[in-house]
Amino acid sequence: MAIALLTFLAYGVLTVSFVTQQFMASTSQLLTDPFLQLPTENSVRVVWFTEFEGDRHRVEYGGES
């Protein structure tokens, strides 16, 4: 179970890094790099700070279907 959680967290970090690169290309800037917070067996929060108050608080990941 621990290996699965670590694998999930590592995948999350890689995914967040990719998403960050896409967002950094836009005019809005992140004040911090995304980081993982409060991991559980089933979830983990992805957190970052921006210059603006957002209205869509979500992270999209995975391939397009």
C-alpha atoms as a PDB file:
ATOM      1  CA  MET A   1       0.000   0.000   0.000  1.00  0.00           C
ATOM      2  CA  ALA A   2       2.843   2.402   0.813  1.00  0.00           C
ATOM      3  CA  ILE A   3       4.469   1.783  -2.566  1.00  0.00           C
ATOM      4  CA  ALA A   4       1.179   2.501  -4.323  1.00  0.00           C
ATOM      5  CA  LEU A   5       0.791   5.771  -2.413  1.00  0.00           C
ATOM      6  CA  LEU A   6       4.358   6.830  -3.195  1.00  0.00           C
ATOM      7  CA  THR A   7       3.842   5.974  -6.864  1.00  0.00           C
ATOM      8  CA  PHE A   8       0.639   8.011  -6.894  1.00  0.00           C
ATOM      9  CA  LEU A   9       2.380  10.977  -5.254  1.00  0.00           C
ATOM     10  CA  ALA A  10       5.311  10.801  -7.686  1.00  0.00           C
ATOM     11  CA  TYR A  11       2.889  10.698 -10.629  1.00  0.00           C
ATOM     12  CA  GLY A  12       1.097  13.689  -9.149  1.00  0.00           C
ATOM     13  CA  VAL A  13       4.316  15.692  -8.903  1.00  0.00           C
ATOM     14  CA  LEU A  14       5.195  14.935 -12.526  1.00  0.00           C
ATOM     15  CA  THR A  15       1.699  15.808 -13.681  1.00  0.00           C
ATOM     16  CA  VAL A  16       1.684  19.036 -11.706  1.00  0.00           C
ATOM     17  CA  SER A  17       5.065  19.981 -13.186  1.00  0.00           C
ATOM     18  CA  PHE A  18       3.675  19.506 -16.691  1.00  0.00           C
ATOM     19  CA  VAL A  19       0.543  21.524 -15.903  1.00  0.00           C
ATOM     20  CA  THR A  20       2.675  24.258 -14.330  1.00  0.00           C
ATOM     21  CA  GLN A  21       4.666  24.660 -17.525  1.00  0.00           C
ATOM     22  CA  GLN A  22       1.446  25.184 -19.472  1.00  0.00           C
ATOM     23  CA  PHE A  23       0.166  27.788 -17.008  1.00  0.00           C
ATOM     24  CA  MET A  24       3.482  29.613 -16.848  1.00  0.00           C
ATOM     25  CA  ALA A  25       3.195  30.283 -20.586  1.00  0.00           C
ATOM     26  CA  SER A  26       0.049  32.349 -19.970  1.00  0.00           C
ATOM     27  CA  THR A  27      -0.024  35.942 -18.722  1.00  0.00           C
ATOM     28  CA  SER A  28      -1.035  34.889 -15.201  1.00  0.00           C
ATOM     29  CA  GLN A  29       1.851  33.933 -12.990  1.00  0.00           C
ATOM     30  CA  LEU A  30       2.150  31.440 -10.189  1.00  0.00           C
ATOM     31  CA  LEU A  31       3.824  32.791  -7.072  1.00  0.00           C
ATOM     32  CA  THR A  32       4.924  29.297  -6.023  1.00  0.00           C
ATOM     33  CA  ASP A  33       5.479  25.982  -7.706  1.00  0.00           C
ATOM     34  CA  PRO A  34       2.654  23.524  -7.078  1.00  0.00           C
ATOM     35  CA  PHE A  35       3.196  21.183  -4.152  1.00  0.00           C
ATOM     36  CA  LEU A  36       1.342  18.236  -2.631  1.00  0.00           C
ATOM     37  CA  GLN A  37      -0.402  18.587   0.721  1.00  0.00           C
ATOM     38  CA  LEU A  38      -2.332  16.323   3.118  1.00  0.00           C
ATOM     39  CA  PRO A  39      -1.935  12.932   1.397  1.00  0.00           C
ATOM     40  CA  THR A  40      -4.287  10.122   2.396  1.00  0.00           C
ATOM     41  CA  GLU A  41      -4.749   6.608   1.049  1.00  0.00           C
ATOM     42  CA  ASN A  42      -7.242   7.909  -1.535  1.00  0.00           C
ATOM     43  CA  SER A  43      -6.353  11.530  -2.213  1.00  0.00           C
ATOM     44  CA  VAL A  44      -3.823  14.334  -2.092  1.00  0.00           C
ATOM     45  CA  ARG A  45      -4.256  18.099  -2.389  1.00  0.00           C
ATOM     46  CA  VAL A  46      -2.305  19.997  -5.033  1.00  0.00           C
ATOM     47  CA  VAL A  47      -1.649  23.533  -3.805  1.00  0.00           C
ATOM     48  CA  TRP A  48      -0.120  26.654  -5.365  1.00  0.00           C
ATOM     49  CA  PHE A  49      -0.345  30.406  -4.896  1.00  0.00           C
ATOM     50  CA  THR A  50      -1.182  32.899  -7.642  1.00  0.00           C
ATOM     51  CA  GLU A  51      -1.269  36.671  -8.134  1.00  0.00           C
ATOM     52  CA  PHE A  52      -5.029  36.573  -8.609  1.00  0.00           C
ATOM     53  CA  GLU A  53      -8.104  35.078  -6.988  1.00  0.00           C
ATOM     54  CA  GLY A  54      -9.199  32.154  -9.126  1.00  0.00           C
ATOM     55  CA  ASP A  55     -12.707  31.010  -9.883  1.00  0.00           C
ATOM     56  CA  ARG A  56     -11.993  27.470 -11.148  1.00  0.00           C
ATOM     57  CA  HIS A  57     -10.133  25.589  -8.450  1.00  0.00           C
ATOM     58  CA  ARG A  58      -9.260  22.282 -10.085  1.00  0.00           C
ATOM     59  CA  VAL A  59      -6.431  20.310 -11.643  1.00  0.00           C
ATOM     60  CA  GLU A  60      -7.066  18.356 -14.828  1.00  0.00           C
ATOM     61  CA  TYR A  61      -4.850  15.370 -15.514  1.00  0.00           C
ATOM     62  CA  GLY A  62      -4.712  12.285 -17.690  1.00  0.00           C
ATOM     63  CA  GLY A  63      -4.893  11.769 -21.411  1.00  0.00           C
ATOM     64  CA  GLU A  64      -7.610  13.059 -23.659  1.00  0.00           C
ATOM     65  CA  SER A  65     -10.321  10.533 -24.502  1.00  0.00           C
END
